[in-house]
Amino acid sequence: MSFLRSLPKDAKIFDVFASRPEVTESPHKVVAKDIEAVYEAGWNEAALHDVVLVTCIASFMNRFVFGFGIAATDQATYKGAAGAAIASDGYASRFRKLLEEKNAEE
């Protein structure tokens, strides 16, 4: 969530994402006041759902890819091309490509 540092501190989105690390790090610690903070920032239940879902999916995909021992060798390429590929084709196509690259190395 390093992108949060680039946001203005009064950005509405900041309150939503700033309160979400516990979804990944310690989801059992999410309490009603965390949820209320999101609503008080002007977001609705659908936005909260989306933030939790995106956080969960990102966490899952990281563990999924790392579990297969796949690592980006070129961070600039990974952040540029991979982000665009994931946005247009989803995680599955990117995962297949990374797996093919790893298998080709072996």
PDB file of N, CA and C in Angstrom:
ATOM      1  N   MET A   1       0.809  -1.183   0.000  1.00  0.00           N
ATOM      2  CA  MET A   1       0.000   0.000   0.000  1.00  0.00           C
ATOM      3  C   MET A   1       0.858   1.255   0.000  1.00  0.00           C
ATOM      4  N   SER A   2       2.021   1.170  -0.607  1.00  0.00           N
ATOM      5  CA  SER A   2       2.897   2.335  -0.640  1.00  0.00           C
ATOM      6  C   SER A   2       2.286   3.484  -1.435  1.00  0.00           C
ATOM      7  N   PHE A   3       1.348   3.192  -2.325  1.00  0.00           N
ATOM      8  CA  PHE A   3       0.718   4.264  -3.086  1.00  0.00           C
ATOM      9  C   PHE A   3      -0.016   5.243  -2.171  1.00  0.00           C
ATOM     10  N   LEU A   4      -0.381   4.808  -0.966  1.00  0.00           N
ATOM     11  CA  LEU A   4      -1.077   5.695  -0.033  1.00  0.00           C
ATOM     12  C   LEU A   4      -0.240   6.913   0.320  1.00  0.00           C
ATOM     13  N   ARG A   5       1.074   6.740   0.345  1.00  0.00           N
ATOM     14  CA  ARG A   5       1.940   7.864   0.701  1.00  0.00           C
ATOM     15  C   ARG A   5       1.863   8.988  -0.320  1.00  0.00           C
ATOM     16  N   SER A   6       1.478   8.656  -1.555  1.00  0.00           N
ATOM     17  CA  SER A   6       1.404   9.672  -2.600  1.00  0.00           C
ATOM     18  C   SER A   6       0.071  10.416  -2.609  1.00  0.00           C
ATOM     19  N   LEU A   7      -0.891   9.946  -1.833  1.00  0.00           N
ATOM     20  CA  LEU A   7      -2.205  10.590  -1.801  1.00  0.00           C
ATOM     21  C   LEU A   7      -2.211  11.775  -0.844  1.00  0.00           C
ATOM     22  N   PRO A   8      -2.988  12.812  -1.173  1.00  0.00           N
ATOM     23  CA  PRO A   8      -3.152  13.877  -0.186  1.00  0.00           C
ATOM     24  C   PRO A   8      -3.851  13.309   1.041  1.00  0.00           C
ATOM     25  N   LYS A   9      -3.463  13.770   2.203  1.00  0.00           N
ATOM     26  CA  LYS A   9      -4.006  13.212   3.443  1.00  0.00           C
ATOM     27  C   LYS A   9      -5.513  13.411   3.573  1.00  0.00           C
ATOM     28  N   ASP A  10      -6.076  14.352   2.829  1.00  0.00           N
ATOM     29  CA  ASP A  10      -7.520  14.554   2.903  1.00  0.00           C
ATOM     30  C   ASP A  10      -8.268  13.781   1.813  1.00  0.00           C
ATOM     31  N   ALA A  11      -7.553  12.966   1.066  1.00  0.00           N
ATOM     32  CA  ALA A  11      -8.213  12.179   0.016  1.00  0.00           C
ATOM     33  C   ALA A  11      -9.205  11.210   0.643  1.00  0.00           C
ATOM     34  N   LYS A  12     -10.398  11.195   0.103  1.00  0.00           N
ATOM     35  CA  LYS A  12     -11.467  10.351   0.645  1.00  0.00           C
ATOM     36  C   LYS A  12     -11.067   8.873   0.632  1.00  0.00           C
ATOM     37  N   ILE A  13     -10.382   8.467  -0.408  1.00  0.00           N
ATOM     38  CA  ILE A  13      -9.989   7.059  -0.546  1.00  0.00           C
ATOM     39  C   ILE A  13      -8.995   6.650   0.535  1.00  0.00           C
ATOM     40  N   PHE A  14      -8.223   7.612   1.038  1.00  0.00           N
ATOM     41  CA  PHE A  14      -7.204   7.307   2.041  1.00  0.00           C
ATOM     42  C   PHE A  14      -7.798   6.605   3.252  1.00  0.00           C
ATOM     43  N   ASP A  15      -8.929   7.107   3.732  1.00  0.00           N
ATOM     44  CA  ASP A  15      -9.556   6.511   4.914  1.00  0.00           C
ATOM     45  C   ASP A  15      -9.946   5.057   4.691  1.00  0.00           C
ATOM     46  N   VAL A  16     -10.378   4.754   3.489  1.00  0.00           N
ATOM     47  CA  VAL A  16     -10.803   3.379   3.214  1.00  0.00           C
ATOM     48  C   VAL A  16      -9.602   2.449   3.191  1.00  0.00           C
ATOM     49  N   PHE A  17      -8.593   2.775   2.402  1.00  0.00           N
ATOM     50  CA  PHE A  17      -7.453   1.877   2.277  1.00  0.00           C
ATOM     51  C   PHE A  17      -6.556   1.894   3.504  1.00  0.00           C
ATOM     52  N   ALA A  18      -6.453   3.020   4.171  1.00  0.00           N
ATOM     53  CA  ALA A  18      -5.597   3.092   5.356  1.00  0.00           C
ATOM     54  C   ALA A  18      -6.097   2.178   6.457  1.00  0.00           C
ATOM     55  N   SER A  19      -7.374   1.910   6.469  1.00  0.00           N
ATOM     56  CA  SER A  19      -7.925   1.064   7.534  1.00  0.00           C
ATOM     57  C   SER A  19      -7.937  -0.410   7.162  1.00  0.00           C
ATOM     58  N   ARG A  20      -7.425  -0.779   6.018  1.00  0.00           N
ATOM     59  CA  ARG A  20      -7.563  -2.150   5.555  1.00  0.00           C
ATOM     60  C   ARG A  20      -6.366  -3.070   5.753  1.00  0.00           C
ATOM     61  N   PRO A  21      -5.202  -2.632   6.197  1.00  0.00           N
ATOM     62  CA  PRO A  21      -4.100  -3.592   6.349  1.00  0.00           C
ATOM     63  C   PRO A  21      -4.453  -4.767   7.246  1.00  0.00           C
ATOM     64  N   GLU A  22      -5.303  -4.542   8.231  1.00  0.00           N
ATOM     65  CA  GLU A  22      -5.642  -5.645   9.126  1.00  0.00           C
ATOM     66  C   GLU A  22      -6.410  -6.756   8.416  1.00  0.00           C
ATOM     67  N   VAL A  23      -7.031  -6.457   7.280  1.00  0.00           N
ATOM     68  CA  VAL A  23      -7.727  -7.514   6.533  1.00  0.00           C
ATOM     69  C   VAL A  23      -6.719  -8.578   6.108  1.00  0.00           C
ATOM     70  N   THR A  24      -5.508  -8.148   5.753  1.00  0.00           N
ATOM     71  CA  THR A  24      -4.466  -9.089   5.362  1.00  0.00           C
ATOM     72  C   THR A  24      -3.649  -9.557   6.559  1.00  0.00           C
ATOM     73  N   GLU A  25      -3.249  -8.623   7.408  1.00  0.00           N
ATOM     74  CA  GLU A  25      -2.317  -8.944   8.486  1.00  0.00           C
ATOM     75  C   GLU A  25      -2.971  -9.613   9.691  1.00  0.00           C
ATOM     76  N   SER A  26      -4.153  -9.186  10.046  1.00  0.00           N
ATOM     77  CA  SER A  26      -4.837  -9.753  11.221  1.00  0.00           C
ATOM     78  C   SER A  26      -6.346  -9.523  11.105  1.00  0.00           C
ATOM     79  N   PRO A  27      -6.991 -10.226  10.197  1.00  0.00           N
ATOM     80  CA  PRO A  27      -8.413  -9.982   9.939  1.00  0.00           C
ATOM     81  C   PRO A  27      -9.305 -10.177  11.158  1.00  0.00           C
ATOM     82  N   HIS A  28      -8.854 -10.963  12.102  1.00  0.00           N
ATOM     83  CA  HIS A  28      -9.653 -11.166  13.315  1.00  0.00           C
ATOM     84  C   HIS A  28      -9.740  -9.908  14.176  1.00  0.00           C
ATOM     85  N   LYS A  29      -8.923  -8.908  13.850  1.00  0.00           N
ATOM     86  CA  LYS A  29      -8.926  -7.667  14.626  1.00  0.00           C
ATOM     87  C   LYS A  29      -9.841  -6.587  14.041  1.00  0.00           C
ATOM     88  N   VAL A  30     -10.471  -6.851  12.906  1.00  0.00           N
ATOM     89  CA  VAL A  30     -11.403  -5.880  12.337  1.00  0.00           C
ATOM     90  C   VAL A  30     -12.616  -5.794  13.259  1.00  0.00           C
ATOM     91  N   VAL A  31     -12.934  -4.580  13.665  1.00  0.00           N
ATOM     92  CA  VAL A  31     -14.057  -4.371  14.587  1.00  0.00           C
ATOM     93  C   VAL A  31     -15.015  -3.333  14.006  1.00  0.00           C
ATOM     94  N   ALA A  32     -16.133  -3.176  14.664  1.00  0.00           N
ATOM     95  CA  ALA A  32     -17.182  -2.270  14.188  1.00  0.00           C
ATOM     96  C   ALA A  32     -16.666  -0.851  13.956  1.00  0.00           C
ATOM     97  N   LYS A  33     -15.754  -0.360  14.813  1.00  0.00           N
ATOM     98  CA  LYS A  33     -15.260   1.014  14.634  1.00  0.00           C
ATOM     99  C   LYS A  33     -14.474   1.160  13.333  1.00  0.00           C
ATOM    100  N   ASP A  34     -13.811   0.096  12.876  1.00  0.00           N
ATOM    101  CA  ASP A  34     -13.112   0.142  11.590  1.00  0.00           C
ATOM    102  C   ASP A  34     -14.114   0.329  10.455  1.00  0.00           C
ATOM    103  N   ILE A  35     -15.200  -0.393  10.537  1.00  0.00           N
ATOM    104  CA  ILE A  35     -16.242  -0.316   9.513  1.00  0.00           C
ATOM    105  C   ILE A  35     -16.904   1.068   9.560  1.00  0.00           C
ATOM    106  N   GLU A  36     -17.189   1.546  10.749  1.00  0.00           N
ATOM    107  CA  GLU A  36     -17.815   2.865  10.901  1.00  0.00           C
ATOM    108  C   GLU A  36     -16.924   3.967  10.334  1.00  0.00           C
ATOM    109  N   ALA A  37     -15.607   3.841  10.491  1.00  0.00           N
ATOM    110  CA  ALA A  37     -14.683   4.848   9.955  1.00  0.00           C
ATOM    111  C   ALA A  37     -14.813   4.953   8.445  1.00  0.00           C
ATOM    112  N   VAL A  38     -15.021   3.830   7.793  1.00  0.00           N
ATOM    113  CA  VAL A  38     -15.202   3.829   6.337  1.00  0.00           C
ATOM    114  C   VAL A  38     -16.489   4.569   5.981  1.00  0.00           C
ATOM    115  N   TYR A  39     -17.565   4.269   6.690  1.00  0.00           N
ATOM    116  CA  TYR A  39     -18.848   4.940   6.433  1.00  0.00           C
ATOM    117  C   TYR A  39     -18.765   6.433   6.739  1.00  0.00           C
ATOM    118  N   GLU A  40     -18.086   6.779   7.820  1.00  0.00           N
ATOM    119  CA  GLU A  40     -17.942   8.189   8.195  1.00  0.00           C
ATOM    120  C   GLU A  40     -17.118   8.968   7.176  1.00  0.00           C
ATOM    121  N   ALA A  41     -16.251   8.275   6.454  1.00  0.00           N
ATOM    122  CA  ALA A  41     -15.455   8.924   5.413  1.00  0.00           C
ATOM    123  C   ALA A  41     -16.278   9.159   4.151  1.00  0.00           C
ATOM    124  N   GLY A  42     -17.539   8.703   4.179  1.00  0.00           N
ATOM    125  CA  GLY A  42     -18.418   8.949   3.041  1.00  0.00           C
ATOM    126  C   GLY A  42     -18.587   7.776   2.096  1.00  0.00           C
ATOM    127  N   TRP A  43     -18.034   6.640   2.453  1.00  0.00           N
ATOM    128  CA  TRP A  43     -18.146   5.460   1.607  1.00  0.00           C
ATOM    129  C   TRP A  43     -19.332   4.615   2.056  1.00  0.00           C
ATOM    130  N   ASN A  44     -19.865   3.819   1.132  1.00  0.00           N
ATOM    131  CA  ASN A  44     -21.015   2.979   1.465  1.00  0.00           C
ATOM    132  C   ASN A  44     -20.592   1.520   1.616  1.00  0.00           C
ATOM    133  N   GLU A  45     -21.567   0.664   1.863  1.00  0.00           N
ATOM    134  CA  GLU A  45     -21.281  -0.752   2.090  1.00  0.00           C
ATOM    135  C   GLU A  45     -20.655  -1.415   0.861  1.00  0.00           C
ATOM    136  N   ALA A  46     -21.093  -1.007  -0.326  1.00  0.00           N
ATOM    137  CA  ALA A  46     -20.520  -1.577  -1.553  1.00  0.00           C
ATOM    138  C   ALA A  46     -19.035  -1.238  -1.669  1.00  0.00           C
ATOM    139  N   ALA A  47     -18.665  -0.006  -1.325  1.00  0.00           N
ATOM    140  CA  ALA A  47     -17.253   0.390  -1.377  1.00  0.00           C
ATOM    141  C   ALA A  47     -16.435  -0.404  -0.373  1.00  0.00           C
ATOM    142  N   LEU A  48     -16.971  -0.574   0.827  1.00  0.00           N
ATOM    143  CA  LEU A  48     -16.283  -1.376   1.838  1.00  0.00           C
ATOM    144  C   LEU A  48     -16.095  -2.804   1.337  1.00  0.00           C
ATOM    145  N   HIS A  49     -17.135  -3.362   0.770  1.00  0.00           N
ATOM    146  CA  HIS A  49     -17.068  -4.718   0.216  1.00  0.00           C
ATOM    147  C   HIS A  49     -15.968  -4.807  -0.830  1.00  0.00           C
ATOM    148  N   ASP A  50     -15.915  -3.823  -1.733  1.00  0.00           N
ATOM    149  CA  ASP A  50     -14.908  -3.835  -2.793  1.00  0.00           C
ATOM    150  C   ASP A  50     -13.494  -3.762  -2.233  1.00  0.00           C
ATOM    151  N   VAL A  51     -13.279  -2.907  -1.235  1.00  0.00           N
ATOM    152  CA  VAL A  51     -11.945  -2.783  -0.636  1.00  0.00           C
ATOM    153  C   VAL A  51     -11.528  -4.094   0.018  1.00  0.00           C
ATOM    154  N   VAL A  52     -12.432  -4.693   0.784  1.00  0.00           N
ATOM    155  CA  VAL A  52     -12.111  -5.966   1.440  1.00  0.00           C
ATOM    156  C   VAL A  52     -11.856  -7.036   0.387  1.00  0.00           C
ATOM    157  N   LEU A  53     -12.678  -7.094  -0.642  1.00  0.00           N
ATOM    158  CA  LEU A  53     -12.517  -8.100  -1.689  1.00  0.00           C
ATOM    159  C   LEU A  53     -11.197  -7.930  -2.437  1.00  0.00           C
ATOM    160  N   VAL A  54     -10.877  -6.702  -2.823  1.00  0.00           N
ATOM    161  CA  VAL A  54      -9.616  -6.452  -3.533  1.00  0.00           C
ATOM    162  C   VAL A  54      -8.426  -6.814  -2.651  1.00  0.00           C
ATOM    163  N   THR A  55      -8.483  -6.455  -1.376  1.00  0.00           N
ATOM    164  CA  THR A  55      -7.412  -6.792  -0.446  1.00  0.00           C
ATOM    165  C   THR A  55      -7.243  -8.303  -0.339  1.00  0.00           C
ATOM    166  N   CYS A  56      -8.348  -9.006  -0.227  1.00  0.00           N
ATOM    167  CA  CYS A  56      -8.302 -10.472  -0.115  1.00  0.00           C
ATOM    168  C   CYS A  56      -7.764 -11.119  -1.384  1.00  0.00           C
ATOM    169  N   ILE A  57      -8.232 -10.648  -2.533  1.00  0.00           N
ATOM    170  CA  ILE A  57      -7.778 -11.225  -3.801  1.00  0.00           C
ATOM    171  C   ILE A  57      -6.288 -10.972  -4.001  1.00  0.00           C
ATOM    172  N   ALA A  58      -5.831  -9.752  -3.700  1.00  0.00           N
ATOM    173  CA  ALA A  58      -4.404  -9.448  -3.842  1.00  0.00           C
ATOM    174  C   ALA A  58      -3.578 -10.330  -2.921  1.00  0.00           C
ATOM    175  N   SER A  59      -4.027 -10.501  -1.702  1.00  0.00           N
ATOM    176  CA  SER A  59      -3.324 -11.357  -0.748  1.00  0.00           C
ATOM    177  C   SER A  59      -3.286 -12.797  -1.250  1.00  0.00           C
ATOM    178  N   PHE A  60      -4.427 -13.280  -1.712  1.00  0.00           N
ATOM    179  CA  PHE A  60      -4.498 -14.643  -2.241  1.00  0.00           C
ATOM    180  C   PHE A  60      -3.554 -14.816  -3.424  1.00  0.00           C
ATOM    181  N   MET A  61      -3.599 -13.886  -4.383  1.00  0.00           N
ATOM    182  CA  MET A  61      -2.771 -14.027  -5.581  1.00  0.00           C
ATOM    183  C   MET A  61      -1.288 -13.976  -5.236  1.00  0.00           C
ATOM    184  N   ASN A  62      -0.902 -13.126  -4.291  1.00  0.00           N
ATOM    185  CA  ASN A  62       0.500 -13.095  -3.871  1.00  0.00           C
ATOM    186  C   ASN A  62       0.925 -14.448  -3.319  1.00  0.00           C
ATOM    187  N   ARG A  63       0.136 -15.014  -2.451  1.00  0.00           N
ATOM    188  CA  ARG A  63       0.474 -16.317  -1.872  1.00  0.00           C
ATOM    189  C   ARG A  63       0.452 -17.415  -2.931  1.00  0.00           C
ATOM    190  N   PHE A  64      -0.488 -17.337  -3.838  1.00  0.00           N
ATOM    191  CA  PHE A  64      -0.613 -18.320  -4.913  1.00  0.00           C
ATOM    192  C   PHE A  64       0.639 -18.321  -5.791  1.00  0.00           C
ATOM    193  N   VAL A  65       1.035 -17.140  -6.246  1.00  0.00           N
ATOM    194  CA  VAL A  65       2.205 -17.019  -7.118  1.00  0.00           C
ATOM    195  C   VAL A  65       3.481 -17.367  -6.359  1.00  0.00           C
ATOM    196  N   PHE A  66       3.664 -16.828  -5.166  1.00  0.00           N
ATOM    197  CA  PHE A  66       4.865 -17.126  -4.388  1.00  0.00           C
ATOM    198  C   PHE A  66       4.924 -18.598  -4.008  1.00  0.00           C
ATOM    199  N   GLY A  67       3.775 -19.220  -3.808  1.00  0.00           N
ATOM    200  CA  GLY A  67       3.728 -20.648  -3.479  1.00  0.00           C
ATOM    201  C   GLY A  67       4.289 -21.524  -4.585  1.00  0.00           C
ATOM    202  N   PHE A  68       4.241 -21.026  -5.818  1.00  0.00           N
ATOM    203  CA  PHE A  68       4.831 -21.745  -6.941  1.00  0.00           C
ATOM    204  C   PHE A  68       6.274 -21.318  -7.189  1.00  0.00           C
ATOM    205  N   GLY A  69       6.790 -20.439  -6.353  1.00  0.00           N
ATOM    206  CA  GLY A  69       8.182 -20.008  -6.481  1.00  0.00           C
ATOM    207  C   GLY A  69       8.420 -19.040  -7.616  1.00  0.00           C
ATOM    208  N   ILE A  70       7.385 -18.363  -8.049  1.00  0.00           N
ATOM    209  CA  ILE A  70       7.518 -17.422  -9.155  1.00  0.00           C
ATOM    210  C   ILE A  70       7.862 -16.051  -8.587  1.00  0.00           C
ATOM    211  N   ALA A  71       8.907 -15.454  -9.124  1.00  0.00           N
ATOM    212  CA  ALA A  71       9.309 -14.120  -8.681  1.00  0.00           C
ATOM    213  C   ALA A  71       9.609 -13.269  -9.901  1.00  0.00           C
ATOM    214  N   ALA A  72       9.291 -12.010  -9.819  1.00  0.00           N
ATOM    215  CA  ALA A  72       9.595 -11.089 -10.908  1.00  0.00           C
ATOM    216  C   ALA A  72      11.097 -10.855 -10.936  1.00  0.00           C
ATOM    217  N   THR A  73      11.687 -10.955 -12.104  1.00  0.00           N
ATOM    218  CA  THR A  73      13.123 -10.724 -12.222  1.00  0.00           C
ATOM    219  C   THR A  73      13.422  -9.278 -12.583  1.00  0.00           C
ATOM    220  N   ASP A  74      12.502  -8.623 -13.223  1.00  0.00           N
ATOM    221  CA  ASP A  74      12.687  -7.237 -13.640  1.00  0.00           C
ATOM    222  C   ASP A  74      11.504  -6.431 -13.114  1.00  0.00           C
ATOM    223  N   GLN A  75      11.710  -5.710 -12.019  1.00  0.00           N
ATOM    224  CA  GLN A  75      10.615  -4.994 -11.364  1.00  0.00           C
ATOM    225  C   GLN A  75       9.954  -3.959 -12.271  1.00  0.00           C
ATOM    226  N   ALA A  76      10.730  -3.255 -13.080  1.00  0.00           N
ATOM    227  CA  ALA A  76      10.146  -2.234 -13.956  1.00  0.00           C
ATOM    228  C   ALA A  76       9.197  -2.875 -14.961  1.00  0.00           C
ATOM    229  N   THR A  77       9.631  -3.969 -15.559  1.00  0.00           N
ATOM    230  CA  THR A  77       8.779  -4.680 -16.511  1.00  0.00           C
ATOM    231  C   THR A  77       7.564  -5.241 -15.810  1.00  0.00           C
ATOM    232  N   TYR A  78       7.787  -5.833 -14.658  1.00  0.00           N
ATOM    233  CA  TYR A  78       6.693  -6.437 -13.903  1.00  0.00           C
ATOM    234  C   TYR A  78       5.624  -5.412 -13.569  1.00  0.00           C
ATOM    235  N   LYS A  79       6.045  -4.259 -13.050  1.00  0.00           N
ATOM    236  CA  LYS A  79       5.076  -3.242 -12.642  1.00  0.00           C
ATOM    237  C   LYS A  79       4.385  -2.608 -13.840  1.00  0.00           C
ATOM    238  N   GLY A  80       5.070  -2.498 -14.957  1.00  0.00           N
ATOM    239  CA  GLY A  80       4.468  -1.883 -16.138  1.00  0.00           C
ATOM    240  C   GLY A  80       3.611  -2.843 -16.926  1.00  0.00           C
ATOM    241  N   ALA A  81       4.243  -3.811 -17.536  1.00  0.00           N
ATOM    242  CA  ALA A  81       3.538  -4.745 -18.411  1.00  0.00           C
ATOM    243  C   ALA A  81       2.577  -5.639 -17.656  1.00  0.00           C
ATOM    244  N   ALA A  82       2.986  -6.123 -16.512  1.00  0.00           N
ATOM    245  CA  ALA A  82       2.120  -7.035 -15.759  1.00  0.00           C
ATOM    246  C   ALA A  82       0.858  -6.330 -15.309  1.00  0.00           C
ATOM    247  N   GLY A  83       0.990  -5.109 -14.847  1.00  0.00           N
ATOM    248  CA  GLY A  83      -0.191  -4.369 -14.409  1.00  0.00           C
ATOM    249  C   GLY A  83      -1.190  -4.186 -15.532  1.00  0.00           C
ATOM    250  N   ALA A  84      -0.692  -3.852 -16.716  1.00  0.00           N
ATOM    251  CA  ALA A  84      -1.580  -3.680 -17.868  1.00  0.00           C
ATOM    252  C   ALA A  84      -2.213  -5.006 -18.267  1.00  0.00           C
ATOM    253  N   ALA A  85      -1.423  -6.083 -18.234  1.00  0.00           N
ATOM    254  CA  ALA A  85      -1.951  -7.405 -18.601  1.00  0.00           C
ATOM    255  C   ALA A  85      -3.012  -7.863 -17.614  1.00  0.00           C
ATOM    256  N   ILE A  86      -2.777  -7.639 -16.348  1.00  0.00           N
ATOM    257  CA  ILE A  86      -3.751  -8.039 -15.329  1.00  0.00           C
ATOM    258  C   ILE A  86      -5.029  -7.230 -15.490  1.00  0.00           C
ATOM    259  N   ALA A  87      -4.878  -5.940 -15.768  1.00  0.00           N
ATOM    260  CA  ALA A  87      -6.064  -5.098 -15.944  1.00  0.00           C
ATOM    261  C   ALA A  87      -6.894  -5.541 -17.139  1.00  0.00           C
ATOM    262  N   SER A  88      -6.245  -5.956 -18.224  1.00  0.00           N
ATOM    263  CA  SER A  88      -7.006  -6.330 -19.421  1.00  0.00           C
ATOM    264  C   SER A  88      -7.400  -7.798 -19.466  1.00  0.00           C
ATOM    265  N   ASP A  89      -6.546  -8.687 -18.960  1.00  0.00           N
ATOM    266  CA  ASP A  89      -6.801 -10.126 -19.102  1.00  0.00           C
ATOM    267  C   ASP A  89      -7.010 -10.858 -17.786  1.00  0.00           C
ATOM    268  N   GLY A  90      -6.849 -10.181 -16.667  1.00  0.00           N
ATOM    269  CA  GLY A  90      -7.020 -10.828 -15.367  1.00  0.00           C
ATOM    270  C   GLY A  90      -5.750 -11.535 -14.911  1.00  0.00           C
ATOM    271  N   TYR A  91      -5.828 -12.090 -13.716  1.00  0.00           N
ATOM    272  CA  TYR A  91      -4.670 -12.747 -13.117  1.00  0.00           C
ATOM    273  C   TYR A  91      -4.333 -14.081 -13.770  1.00  0.00           C
ATOM    274  N   ALA A  92      -5.325 -14.799 -14.259  1.00  0.00           N
ATOM    275  CA  ALA A  92      -5.087 -16.149 -14.777  1.00  0.00           C
ATOM    276  C   ALA A  92      -4.105 -16.145 -15.935  1.00  0.00           C
ATOM    277  N   SER A  93      -4.275 -15.221 -16.885  1.00  0.00           N
ATOM    278  CA  SER A  93      -3.364 -15.196 -18.028  1.00  0.00           C
ATOM    279  C   SER A  93      -1.955 -14.818 -17.592  1.00  0.00           C
ATOM    280  N   ARG A  94      -1.859 -13.891 -16.644  1.00  0.00           N
ATOM    281  CA  ARG A  94      -0.534 -13.497 -16.155  1.00  0.00           C
ATOM    282  C   ARG A  94       0.125 -14.647 -15.414  1.00  0.00           C
ATOM    283  N   PHE A  95      -0.643 -15.361 -14.622  1.00  0.00           N
ATOM    284  CA  PHE A  95      -0.102 -16.505 -13.899  1.00  0.00           C
ATOM    285  C   PHE A  95       0.404 -17.568 -14.875  1.00  0.00           C
ATOM    286  N   ARG A  96      -0.377 -17.869 -15.913  1.00  0.00           N
ATOM    287  CA  ARG A  96       0.061 -18.863 -16.911  1.00  0.00           C
ATOM    288  C   ARG A  96       1.382 -18.442 -17.548  1.00  0.00           C
ATOM    289  N   LYS A  97       1.494 -17.157 -17.884  1.00  0.00           N
ATOM    290  CA  LYS A  97       2.725 -16.674 -18.514  1.00  0.00           C
ATOM    291  C   LYS A  97       3.913 -16.813 -17.562  1.00  0.00           C
ATOM    292  N   LEU A  98       3.742 -16.428 -16.310  1.00  0.00           N
ATOM    293  CA  LEU A  98       4.830 -16.553 -15.339  1.00  0.00           C
ATOM    294  C   LEU A  98       5.219 -18.011 -15.125  1.00  0.00           C
ATOM    295  N   LEU A  99       4.238 -18.889 -15.081  1.00  0.00           N
ATOM    296  CA  LEU A  99       4.510 -20.312 -14.906  1.00  0.00           C
ATOM    297  C   LEU A  99       5.259 -20.871 -16.112  1.00  0.00           C
ATOM    298  N   GLU A 100       4.869 -20.455 -17.314  1.00  0.00           N
ATOM    299  CA  GLU A 100       5.577 -20.882 -18.524  1.00  0.00           C
ATOM    300  C   GLU A 100       7.028 -20.405 -18.500  1.00  0.00           C
ATOM    301  N   GLU A 101       7.242 -19.156 -18.089  1.00  0.00           N
ATOM    302  CA  GLU A 101       8.602 -18.623 -18.008  1.00  0.00           C
ATOM    303  C   GLU A 101       9.432 -19.402 -16.998  1.00  0.00           C
ATOM    304  N   LYS A 102       8.847 -19.717 -15.857  1.00  0.00           N
ATOM    305  CA  LYS A 102       9.566 -20.473 -14.831  1.00  0.00           C
ATOM    306  C   LYS A 102       9.913 -21.862 -15.339  1.00  0.00           C
ATOM    307  N   ASN A 103       8.962 -22.526 -15.994  1.00  0.00           N
ATOM    308  CA  ASN A 103       9.208 -23.866 -16.523  1.00  0.00           C
ATOM    309  C   ASN A 103      10.271 -23.850 -17.613  1.00  0.00           C
ATOM    310  N   ALA A 104      10.324 -22.784 -18.401  1.00  0.00           N
ATOM    311  CA  ALA A 104      11.330 -22.667 -19.456  1.00  0.00           C
ATOM    312  C   ALA A 104      12.734 -22.530 -18.868  1.00  0.00           C
ATOM    313  N   GLU A 105      12.834 -21.940 -17.679  1.00  0.00           N
ATOM    314  CA  GLU A 105      14.129 -21.771 -17.023  1.00  0.00           C
ATOM    315  C   GLU A 105      14.681 -23.085 -16.490  1.00  0.00           C
ATOM    316  N   GLU A 106      13.797 -24.019 -16.184  1.00  0.00           N
ATOM    317  CA  GLU A 106      14.227 -25.270 -15.541  1.00  0.00           C
ATOM    318  C   GLU A 106      14.745 -26.279 -16.512  1.00  0.00           C
TER     319      GLU A 106
END
